[in-house]
Each structure stands twice: as structure tokens, then as C-alpha cells.
Amino acid sequence: MKLASLTVVVVAAGLALSGCGLLPSAPTSPSPSASAESPSPSPSASPTPLAPEERDASTPFDEWDAYLACRHLTPSYFYSESGGDFYEVTYASFADSFIHERADGLFFVYSEVENGNVPPESASLAAANCVIGGTLGKPQYAQFGSTLRLSAAEIDAAKDAPLDSP
């Protein structure tokens, strides 16, 4: 029993020292490889992230939660009909994704995807696209799925578009 407890402490300390943490790091500027046609990430309007012990079911989604939820909801859209591998789908980083808080309190998330489950000539054509929000305990998944990559003008037009009727 002591050995198991010691192992957990050693692993946790190693993760903490290696920079792995429970909170996201502050968003950085887009990578220099981002094309001029790619959307620039939205400026962060969110307050400083709450410590994990300060977050509970009533905590409203923030930009980071919306980004992670969109990644969680969309992988099946990037598999081929013959199957696929989750590990072959790579999402743009938080900093390289477009995240916008809408007037209705939901977040529009657009994150480009490299999809290794399709032929190489199609791997860079898709993006995850979500409108989500709510609270951690009661998320609101208004829309989610995939789209062909959009230009900055198309993203600007889509970010506040009315939601589809049920």
C-alpha cells in the first residue's frame, strides 16, 4: 500500500516538474507557419482561469472549455466510412483555433484538422466547427460537426450566425 501511494506522489511530482498541469497554459501567438488566409485566433477575453478546486458544476464554460468540448465532440466526423483511428486526427492548437463568444453566451469554435484517416490529398481540407457553452455540469451543445476549411471572411460570417431550428 505504501509503495502504491509513493508511486502516485512520484508520478504527480514528475508531471508537475515537467510542465504538465491541470490548467491550460496561456495562449500564445499563432505559429509562423500559419498562412495569411488562416483565421487568426480571437483575443482572449476570458478572465484568469480558475484553479481546479474553484471549478464545479456551476462554473460557466470559458474559451478553453469550449475548445476542449469541440475536440471531444467531433472526432467521429473525421473517420472514413471504412473506419479510422482517433490518433490520426490532429486538431489545431488552442492558440491557432478561432474561438469567439457570441452574444447568446455560447462559444463559436473553429479548429482546423489534419486527418490522417483519408488520402493525403484530402488530409488538410477539414475543420471542426462547434457552437457550445453552458456550464461544466450542464453543457449546451447547440451545434457541432465538421466543415471544409473556411476563409477568414467565411469564419467572420459564421461566428454569429443564427442557430439552426430544431
N, C-alpha and C. Protein backbone atom coordinates (compact mmCIF):
# COMPACT_ATOMS: atom_id res chain seq x y z
N MET A 1 0.83 -1.18 0.00
CA MET A 1 0.00 0.00 0.00
C MET A 1 0.87 1.25 0.00
N LYS A 2 1.95 1.25 0.82
CA LYS A 2 2.84 2.40 0.86
C LYS A 2 3.51 2.61 -0.48
N LEU A 3 3.87 1.51 -1.16
CA LEU A 3 4.54 1.61 -2.45
C LEU A 3 3.61 2.27 -3.48
N ALA A 4 2.33 1.90 -3.49
CA ALA A 4 1.37 2.49 -4.43
C ALA A 4 1.21 3.97 -4.17
N SER A 5 1.11 4.37 -2.90
CA SER A 5 0.96 5.79 -2.57
C SER A 5 2.20 6.56 -2.96
N LEU A 6 3.37 5.99 -2.72
CA LEU A 6 4.62 6.64 -3.08
C LEU A 6 4.73 6.80 -4.60
N THR A 7 4.29 5.78 -5.34
CA THR A 7 4.33 5.85 -6.80
C THR A 7 3.46 6.99 -7.31
N VAL A 8 2.27 7.15 -6.76
CA VAL A 8 1.37 8.23 -7.17
C VAL A 8 2.01 9.58 -6.90
N VAL A 9 2.64 9.75 -5.74
CA VAL A 9 3.29 11.01 -5.39
C VAL A 9 4.44 11.29 -6.34
N VAL A 10 5.26 10.28 -6.64
CA VAL A 10 6.40 10.46 -7.53
C VAL A 10 5.93 10.82 -8.94
N VAL A 11 4.92 10.13 -9.45
CA VAL A 11 4.40 10.43 -10.80
C VAL A 11 3.82 11.83 -10.84
N ALA A 12 3.05 12.22 -9.83
CA ALA A 12 2.46 13.57 -9.78
C ALA A 12 3.55 14.64 -9.73
N ALA A 13 4.57 14.40 -8.94
CA ALA A 13 5.66 15.37 -8.85
C ALA A 13 6.39 15.46 -10.19
N GLY A 14 6.59 14.33 -10.84
CA GLY A 14 7.25 14.34 -12.14
C GLY A 14 6.46 15.11 -13.18
N LEU A 15 5.13 14.92 -13.20
CA LEU A 15 4.29 15.66 -14.13
C LEU A 15 4.34 17.15 -13.84
N ALA A 16 4.29 17.52 -12.58
CA ALA A 16 4.32 18.94 -12.22
C ALA A 16 5.64 19.57 -12.64
N LEU A 17 6.74 18.86 -12.43
CA LEU A 17 8.05 19.40 -12.78
C LEU A 17 8.27 19.44 -14.29
N SER A 18 7.61 18.55 -15.03
CA SER A 18 7.79 18.53 -16.48
C SER A 18 6.90 19.54 -17.19
N GLY A 19 6.08 20.26 -16.43
CA GLY A 19 5.24 21.29 -17.04
C GLY A 19 3.84 20.81 -17.34
N CYS A 20 3.52 19.55 -17.07
CA CYS A 20 2.16 19.07 -17.29
C CYS A 20 1.32 19.49 -16.11
N GLY A 21 0.25 20.16 -16.39
CA GLY A 21 -0.59 20.62 -15.30
C GLY A 21 -2.04 20.44 -15.64
N LEU A 22 -2.90 20.81 -14.72
CA LEU A 22 -4.32 20.69 -14.93
C LEU A 22 -4.91 21.90 -15.62
N LEU A 23 -4.24 23.02 -15.58
CA LEU A 23 -4.74 24.23 -16.22
C LEU A 23 -4.03 24.46 -17.54
N PRO A 24 -4.71 25.02 -18.51
CA PRO A 24 -4.04 25.30 -19.77
C PRO A 24 -3.03 26.41 -19.61
N SER A 25 -1.99 26.34 -20.45
CA SER A 25 -1.04 27.44 -20.43
C SER A 25 -1.68 28.62 -21.14
N ALA A 26 -1.14 29.78 -20.93
CA ALA A 26 -1.69 30.97 -21.57
C ALA A 26 -1.55 30.83 -23.07
N PRO A 27 -2.56 31.25 -23.82
CA PRO A 27 -2.48 31.14 -25.27
C PRO A 27 -1.29 31.93 -25.79
N THR A 28 -0.66 31.38 -26.82
CA THR A 28 0.47 32.06 -27.44
C THR A 28 0.04 32.58 -28.79
N SER A 29 0.91 33.35 -29.40
CA SER A 29 0.57 33.87 -30.72
C SER A 29 0.62 32.72 -31.72
N PRO A 30 -0.08 32.87 -32.84
CA PRO A 30 -0.10 31.79 -33.83
C PRO A 30 1.30 31.48 -34.32
N SER A 31 1.48 30.25 -34.76
CA SER A 31 2.79 29.83 -35.25
C SER A 31 3.11 30.58 -36.54
N PRO A 32 4.40 30.78 -36.81
CA PRO A 32 4.77 31.49 -38.02
C PRO A 32 4.37 30.73 -39.28
N SER A 33 4.05 29.43 -39.16
CA SER A 33 3.66 28.65 -40.33
C SER A 33 2.22 28.89 -40.72
N ALA A 34 1.45 29.59 -39.88
CA ALA A 34 0.05 29.85 -40.22
C ALA A 34 0.00 30.73 -41.46
N SER A 35 -0.85 30.34 -42.39
CA SER A 35 -0.93 31.09 -43.63
C SER A 35 -1.70 32.38 -43.43
N ALA A 36 -1.54 33.30 -44.36
CA ALA A 36 -2.24 34.59 -44.27
C ALA A 36 -3.73 34.38 -44.43
N GLU A 37 -4.14 33.30 -45.09
CA GLU A 37 -5.56 33.02 -45.30
C GLU A 37 -6.19 32.36 -44.07
N SER A 38 -5.37 31.79 -43.18
CA SER A 38 -5.89 31.14 -41.98
C SER A 38 -6.43 32.19 -41.02
N PRO A 39 -7.49 31.84 -40.29
CA PRO A 39 -8.02 32.81 -39.34
C PRO A 39 -7.06 33.02 -38.19
N SER A 40 -7.03 34.23 -37.67
CA SER A 40 -6.21 34.46 -36.50
C SER A 40 -7.05 34.15 -35.28
N PRO A 41 -6.42 33.67 -34.21
CA PRO A 41 -7.20 33.34 -33.03
C PRO A 41 -7.81 34.59 -32.43
N SER A 42 -8.94 34.39 -31.78
CA SER A 42 -9.59 35.54 -31.16
C SER A 42 -8.80 35.94 -29.93
N PRO A 43 -8.79 37.23 -29.61
CA PRO A 43 -8.10 37.64 -28.39
C PRO A 43 -8.82 37.05 -27.18
N SER A 44 -8.08 36.70 -26.20
CA SER A 44 -8.68 36.10 -25.02
C SER A 44 -9.38 37.16 -24.19
N ALA A 45 -10.70 37.00 -24.06
CA ALA A 45 -11.48 37.92 -23.24
C ALA A 45 -11.82 37.25 -21.91
N SER A 46 -11.39 36.00 -21.77
CA SER A 46 -11.71 35.27 -20.55
C SER A 46 -10.86 35.75 -19.39
N PRO A 47 -11.43 35.71 -18.19
CA PRO A 47 -10.64 36.04 -17.02
C PRO A 47 -9.59 34.96 -16.77
N THR A 48 -8.70 35.22 -15.85
CA THR A 48 -7.70 34.23 -15.47
C THR A 48 -8.41 32.94 -15.11
N PRO A 49 -7.92 31.79 -15.63
CA PRO A 49 -8.59 30.53 -15.33
C PRO A 49 -8.66 30.27 -13.83
N LEU A 50 -9.76 29.67 -13.43
CA LEU A 50 -9.93 29.31 -12.03
C LEU A 50 -9.07 28.09 -11.71
N ALA A 51 -8.60 28.01 -10.50
CA ALA A 51 -7.88 26.83 -10.05
C ALA A 51 -8.86 25.65 -10.06
N PRO A 52 -8.38 24.43 -10.30
CA PRO A 52 -9.28 23.28 -10.37
C PRO A 52 -10.21 23.17 -9.16
N GLU A 53 -9.72 23.48 -7.99
CA GLU A 53 -10.56 23.36 -6.80
C GLU A 53 -11.64 24.44 -6.73
N GLU A 54 -11.54 25.49 -7.57
CA GLU A 54 -12.55 26.55 -7.60
C GLU A 54 -13.60 26.29 -8.69
N ARG A 55 -13.43 25.26 -9.48
CA ARG A 55 -14.36 24.94 -10.56
C ARG A 55 -15.30 23.84 -10.10
N ASP A 56 -16.59 24.00 -10.39
CA ASP A 56 -17.56 22.96 -10.06
C ASP A 56 -18.62 22.94 -11.15
N ALA A 57 -19.69 22.20 -10.94
CA ALA A 57 -20.72 22.03 -11.96
C ALA A 57 -21.36 23.35 -12.39
N SER A 58 -21.34 24.36 -11.53
CA SER A 58 -21.97 25.64 -11.88
C SER A 58 -21.02 26.60 -12.61
N THR A 59 -19.78 26.20 -12.81
CA THR A 59 -18.80 27.05 -13.49
C THR A 59 -19.17 27.18 -14.96
N PRO A 60 -19.35 28.41 -15.46
CA PRO A 60 -19.66 28.59 -16.89
C PRO A 60 -18.48 28.19 -17.78
N PHE A 61 -18.81 27.72 -18.97
CA PHE A 61 -17.77 27.42 -19.95
C PHE A 61 -16.97 28.69 -20.21
N ASP A 62 -15.68 28.51 -20.45
CA ASP A 62 -14.85 29.59 -20.94
C ASP A 62 -14.29 29.14 -22.30
N GLU A 63 -13.42 29.93 -22.89
CA GLU A 63 -12.89 29.61 -24.22
C GLU A 63 -12.19 28.24 -24.22
N TRP A 64 -11.42 27.98 -23.18
CA TRP A 64 -10.68 26.71 -23.10
C TRP A 64 -11.64 25.52 -23.02
N ASP A 65 -12.69 25.64 -22.20
CA ASP A 65 -13.67 24.56 -22.09
C ASP A 65 -14.35 24.31 -23.43
N ALA A 66 -14.70 25.40 -24.14
CA ALA A 66 -15.37 25.28 -25.43
C ALA A 66 -14.46 24.58 -26.44
N TYR A 67 -13.19 24.94 -26.47
CA TYR A 67 -12.22 24.32 -27.37
C TYR A 67 -12.11 22.82 -27.07
N LEU A 68 -11.94 22.47 -25.80
CA LEU A 68 -11.81 21.06 -25.44
C LEU A 68 -13.09 20.27 -25.73
N ALA A 69 -14.25 20.87 -25.46
CA ALA A 69 -15.52 20.19 -25.74
C ALA A 69 -15.67 19.94 -27.24
N CYS A 70 -15.30 20.92 -28.06
CA CYS A 70 -15.41 20.75 -29.51
C CYS A 70 -14.51 19.61 -29.98
N ARG A 71 -13.31 19.53 -29.45
CA ARG A 71 -12.40 18.43 -29.80
C ARG A 71 -12.99 17.09 -29.37
N HIS A 72 -13.65 17.08 -28.23
CA HIS A 72 -14.23 15.83 -27.71
C HIS A 72 -15.44 15.39 -28.53
N LEU A 73 -16.21 16.33 -29.05
CA LEU A 73 -17.45 16.02 -29.75
C LEU A 73 -17.27 15.63 -31.22
N THR A 74 -16.15 15.96 -31.84
CA THR A 74 -16.07 15.86 -33.30
C THR A 74 -15.18 14.78 -33.90
N PRO A 75 -14.44 13.98 -33.18
CA PRO A 75 -13.53 13.05 -33.86
C PRO A 75 -14.21 12.10 -34.84
N SER A 76 -15.42 11.65 -34.54
CA SER A 76 -16.07 10.69 -35.44
C SER A 76 -16.35 11.28 -36.81
N TYR A 77 -16.39 12.59 -36.94
CA TYR A 77 -16.61 13.22 -38.24
C TYR A 77 -15.39 13.10 -39.15
N PHE A 78 -14.27 12.70 -38.61
CA PHE A 78 -13.04 12.65 -39.40
C PHE A 78 -12.56 11.23 -39.68
N TYR A 79 -13.43 10.26 -39.47
CA TYR A 79 -13.10 8.88 -39.80
C TYR A 79 -13.68 8.57 -41.18
N SER A 80 -13.03 7.70 -41.90
CA SER A 80 -13.56 7.28 -43.20
C SER A 80 -14.67 6.26 -42.97
N GLU A 81 -15.43 5.98 -44.00
CA GLU A 81 -16.52 5.01 -43.88
C GLU A 81 -16.00 3.63 -43.49
N SER A 82 -14.77 3.32 -43.84
CA SER A 82 -14.21 2.01 -43.54
C SER A 82 -13.58 1.95 -42.15
N GLY A 83 -13.72 3.00 -41.38
CA GLY A 83 -13.15 3.02 -40.04
C GLY A 83 -12.15 4.14 -39.93
N GLY A 84 -11.48 4.18 -38.83
CA GLY A 84 -10.50 5.23 -38.64
C GLY A 84 -9.82 5.09 -37.30
N ASP A 85 -8.86 5.91 -37.10
CA ASP A 85 -8.08 5.89 -35.88
C ASP A 85 -8.07 7.28 -35.28
N PHE A 86 -8.55 7.40 -34.06
CA PHE A 86 -8.58 8.68 -33.36
C PHE A 86 -7.20 9.34 -33.35
N TYR A 87 -6.16 8.55 -33.25
CA TYR A 87 -4.80 9.09 -33.16
C TYR A 87 -4.29 9.65 -34.48
N GLU A 88 -5.04 9.48 -35.54
CA GLU A 88 -4.67 10.03 -36.84
C GLU A 88 -5.33 11.39 -37.09
N VAL A 89 -6.08 11.90 -36.11
CA VAL A 89 -6.75 13.19 -36.22
C VAL A 89 -6.02 14.19 -35.32
N THR A 90 -5.47 15.24 -35.91
CA THR A 90 -4.74 16.25 -35.15
C THR A 90 -5.45 17.59 -35.30
N TYR A 91 -5.85 18.16 -34.17
CA TYR A 91 -6.53 19.45 -34.16
C TYR A 91 -5.51 20.58 -34.05
N ALA A 92 -5.86 21.74 -34.60
CA ALA A 92 -5.04 22.93 -34.40
C ALA A 92 -4.99 23.22 -32.90
N SER A 93 -3.92 23.83 -32.47
CA SER A 93 -3.78 24.17 -31.04
C SER A 93 -4.83 25.20 -30.65
N PHE A 94 -5.00 25.38 -29.36
CA PHE A 94 -5.90 26.41 -28.85
C PHE A 94 -5.55 27.77 -29.46
N ALA A 95 -4.27 28.11 -29.47
CA ALA A 95 -3.82 29.41 -29.98
C ALA A 95 -4.08 29.57 -31.47
N ASP A 96 -4.07 28.47 -32.22
CA ASP A 96 -4.26 28.54 -33.66
C ASP A 96 -5.71 28.29 -34.08
N SER A 97 -6.60 28.12 -33.12
CA SER A 97 -8.03 27.94 -33.41
C SER A 97 -8.73 29.28 -33.24
N PHE A 98 -9.90 29.40 -33.84
CA PHE A 98 -10.69 30.62 -33.72
C PHE A 98 -11.81 30.34 -32.73
N ILE A 99 -11.85 31.09 -31.63
CA ILE A 99 -12.86 30.91 -30.59
C ILE A 99 -13.46 32.27 -30.30
N HIS A 100 -14.79 32.34 -30.39
CA HIS A 100 -15.49 33.62 -30.27
C HIS A 100 -16.69 33.46 -29.36
N GLU A 101 -16.81 34.33 -28.35
CA GLU A 101 -18.01 34.31 -27.51
C GLU A 101 -19.10 35.10 -28.22
N ARG A 102 -20.20 34.42 -28.46
CA ARG A 102 -21.33 35.01 -29.18
C ARG A 102 -22.20 35.84 -28.22
N ALA A 103 -23.09 36.64 -28.78
CA ALA A 103 -24.00 37.46 -27.98
C ALA A 103 -24.94 36.61 -27.13
N ASP A 104 -25.22 35.37 -27.57
CA ASP A 104 -26.11 34.49 -26.80
C ASP A 104 -25.38 33.75 -25.68
N GLY A 105 -24.09 34.06 -25.46
CA GLY A 105 -23.32 33.45 -24.38
C GLY A 105 -22.65 32.15 -24.75
N LEU A 106 -22.92 31.63 -25.95
CA LEU A 106 -22.28 30.41 -26.41
C LEU A 106 -20.97 30.76 -27.11
N PHE A 107 -20.13 29.77 -27.30
CA PHE A 107 -18.85 29.97 -27.98
C PHE A 107 -18.88 29.32 -29.36
N PHE A 108 -18.43 30.06 -30.36
CA PHE A 108 -18.21 29.53 -31.70
C PHE A 108 -16.75 29.07 -31.73
N VAL A 109 -16.54 27.81 -32.09
CA VAL A 109 -15.19 27.25 -32.14
C VAL A 109 -14.95 26.72 -33.55
N TYR A 110 -13.84 27.14 -34.15
CA TYR A 110 -13.40 26.66 -35.46
C TYR A 110 -11.95 26.22 -35.29
N SER A 111 -11.69 24.93 -35.51
CA SER A 111 -10.35 24.39 -35.32
C SER A 111 -9.99 23.51 -36.51
N GLU A 112 -8.97 23.91 -37.25
CA GLU A 112 -8.56 23.14 -38.41
C GLU A 112 -7.99 21.79 -37.98
N VAL A 113 -8.15 20.79 -38.86
CA VAL A 113 -7.80 19.41 -38.55
C VAL A 113 -6.89 18.85 -39.63
N GLU A 114 -5.90 18.10 -39.22
CA GLU A 114 -5.12 17.26 -40.12
C GLU A 114 -5.66 15.85 -39.92
N ASN A 115 -6.24 15.28 -40.96
CA ASN A 115 -6.92 14.00 -40.84
C ASN A 115 -6.13 12.91 -41.56
N GLY A 116 -5.43 12.10 -40.79
CA GLY A 116 -4.65 11.01 -41.35
C GLY A 116 -5.46 9.80 -41.74
N ASN A 117 -6.79 9.86 -41.58
CA ASN A 117 -7.66 8.74 -41.94
C ASN A 117 -8.13 8.81 -43.39
N VAL A 118 -7.73 9.82 -44.12
CA VAL A 118 -8.15 9.99 -45.51
C VAL A 118 -6.91 10.07 -46.39
N PRO A 119 -7.07 9.98 -47.70
CA PRO A 119 -5.90 10.10 -48.57
C PRO A 119 -5.16 11.42 -48.33
N PRO A 120 -3.84 11.42 -48.51
CA PRO A 120 -3.03 12.61 -48.21
C PRO A 120 -3.53 13.89 -48.88
N GLU A 121 -4.06 13.80 -50.10
CA GLU A 121 -4.53 15.00 -50.78
C GLU A 121 -5.77 15.61 -50.13
N SER A 122 -6.44 14.87 -49.25
CA SER A 122 -7.63 15.36 -48.55
C SER A 122 -7.39 15.65 -47.08
N ALA A 123 -6.21 15.32 -46.57
CA ALA A 123 -5.94 15.39 -45.14
C ALA A 123 -6.07 16.78 -44.54
N SER A 124 -5.84 17.82 -45.34
CA SER A 124 -5.85 19.19 -44.82
C SER A 124 -7.06 19.99 -45.29
N LEU A 125 -8.17 19.34 -45.53
CA LEU A 125 -9.34 20.04 -46.06
C LEU A 125 -10.41 20.35 -45.01
N ALA A 126 -10.35 19.73 -43.84
CA ALA A 126 -11.47 19.82 -42.90
C ALA A 126 -11.14 20.61 -41.65
N ALA A 127 -12.19 20.97 -40.94
CA ALA A 127 -12.08 21.66 -39.65
C ALA A 127 -13.24 21.24 -38.77
N ALA A 128 -13.02 21.28 -37.47
CA ALA A 128 -14.10 21.08 -36.51
C ALA A 128 -14.81 22.42 -36.34
N ASN A 129 -16.12 22.36 -36.16
CA ASN A 129 -16.91 23.58 -36.09
C ASN A 129 -18.00 23.35 -35.05
N CYS A 130 -18.01 24.16 -33.98
CA CYS A 130 -18.96 23.95 -32.89
C CYS A 130 -19.53 25.27 -32.39
N VAL A 131 -20.73 25.20 -31.83
CA VAL A 131 -21.32 26.29 -31.07
C VAL A 131 -21.76 25.64 -29.76
N ILE A 132 -21.04 25.95 -28.68
CA ILE A 132 -21.26 25.27 -27.41
C ILE A 132 -21.05 26.24 -26.25
N GLY A 133 -21.58 25.86 -25.10
CA GLY A 133 -21.43 26.68 -23.90
C GLY A 133 -22.13 26.04 -22.73
N GLY A 134 -22.77 26.85 -21.91
CA GLY A 134 -23.43 26.35 -20.72
C GLY A 134 -22.49 26.34 -19.54
N THR A 135 -22.69 25.37 -18.67
CA THR A 135 -21.83 25.21 -17.50
C THR A 135 -21.16 23.85 -17.56
N LEU A 136 -20.17 23.65 -16.71
CA LEU A 136 -19.48 22.37 -16.70
C LEU A 136 -20.44 21.24 -16.35
N GLY A 137 -21.40 21.51 -15.48
CA GLY A 137 -22.36 20.48 -15.08
C GLY A 137 -23.51 20.30 -16.05
N LYS A 138 -23.79 21.33 -16.85
CA LYS A 138 -24.89 21.26 -17.81
C LYS A 138 -24.47 21.95 -19.11
N PRO A 139 -23.61 21.26 -19.88
CA PRO A 139 -23.15 21.85 -21.13
C PRO A 139 -24.30 21.99 -22.13
N GLN A 140 -24.18 22.98 -23.00
CA GLN A 140 -25.15 23.18 -24.07
C GLN A 140 -24.42 22.99 -25.38
N TYR A 141 -24.71 21.88 -26.04
CA TYR A 141 -24.09 21.57 -27.32
C TYR A 141 -25.07 21.98 -28.42
N ALA A 142 -25.06 23.23 -28.80
CA ALA A 142 -26.02 23.76 -29.77
C ALA A 142 -25.77 23.22 -31.17
N GLN A 143 -24.51 23.18 -31.59
CA GLN A 143 -24.14 22.64 -32.90
C GLN A 143 -22.71 22.12 -32.81
N PHE A 144 -22.46 21.02 -33.51
CA PHE A 144 -21.09 20.54 -33.63
C PHE A 144 -20.99 19.62 -34.82
N GLY A 145 -19.82 19.60 -35.42
CA GLY A 145 -19.59 18.75 -36.57
C GLY A 145 -18.31 19.15 -37.27
N SER A 146 -18.28 18.90 -38.58
CA SER A 146 -17.11 19.24 -39.36
C SER A 146 -17.54 20.08 -40.55
N THR A 147 -16.59 20.76 -41.10
CA THR A 147 -16.81 21.59 -42.28
C THR A 147 -15.54 21.57 -43.12
N LEU A 148 -15.67 21.98 -44.37
CA LEU A 148 -14.46 22.23 -45.14
C LEU A 148 -13.81 23.46 -44.55
N ARG A 149 -12.51 23.57 -44.67
CA ARG A 149 -11.83 24.75 -44.12
C ARG A 149 -12.41 26.01 -44.72
N LEU A 150 -12.53 27.01 -43.87
CA LEU A 150 -13.14 28.28 -44.24
C LEU A 150 -12.09 29.39 -44.33
N SER A 151 -12.38 30.38 -45.13
CA SER A 151 -11.52 31.57 -45.17
C SER A 151 -11.84 32.44 -43.96
N ALA A 152 -11.02 33.42 -43.69
CA ALA A 152 -11.26 34.33 -42.57
C ALA A 152 -12.60 35.04 -42.74
N ALA A 153 -12.95 35.43 -43.96
CA ALA A 153 -14.24 36.11 -44.21
C ALA A 153 -15.41 35.17 -43.94
N GLU A 154 -15.28 33.89 -44.31
CA GLU A 154 -16.35 32.92 -44.07
C GLU A 154 -16.52 32.66 -42.57
N ILE A 155 -15.42 32.60 -41.84
CA ILE A 155 -15.50 32.41 -40.39
C ILE A 155 -16.18 33.62 -39.75
N ASP A 156 -15.81 34.81 -40.20
CA ASP A 156 -16.41 36.03 -39.66
C ASP A 156 -17.93 36.03 -39.89
N ALA A 157 -18.37 35.55 -41.04
CA ALA A 157 -19.80 35.49 -41.34
C ALA A 157 -20.51 34.41 -40.52
N ALA A 158 -19.81 33.32 -40.19
CA ALA A 158 -20.43 32.19 -39.49
C ALA A 158 -20.47 32.34 -37.98
N LYS A 159 -19.55 33.10 -37.41
CA LYS A 159 -19.37 33.09 -35.95
C LYS A 159 -20.60 33.54 -35.17
N ASP A 160 -21.42 34.43 -35.71
CA ASP A 160 -22.62 34.89 -35.02
C ASP A 160 -23.90 34.51 -35.75
N ALA A 161 -23.80 33.57 -36.70
CA ALA A 161 -24.97 33.14 -37.47
C ALA A 161 -26.02 32.53 -36.54
N PRO A 162 -27.30 32.73 -36.88
CA PRO A 162 -28.36 32.12 -36.06
C PRO A 162 -28.21 30.61 -36.05
N LEU A 163 -28.60 30.02 -34.94
CA LEU A 163 -28.54 28.56 -34.82
C LEU A 163 -29.67 27.94 -35.64
N ASP A 164 -29.42 26.72 -36.14
CA ASP A 164 -30.46 26.01 -36.88
C ASP A 164 -31.63 25.73 -35.96
N SER A 165 -32.81 25.72 -36.51
CA SER A 165 -34.01 25.39 -35.72
C SER A 165 -34.05 23.89 -35.49
N PRO A 166 -34.54 23.47 -34.32
CA PRO A 166 -34.61 22.02 -34.04
C PRO A 166 -35.63 21.33 -34.89
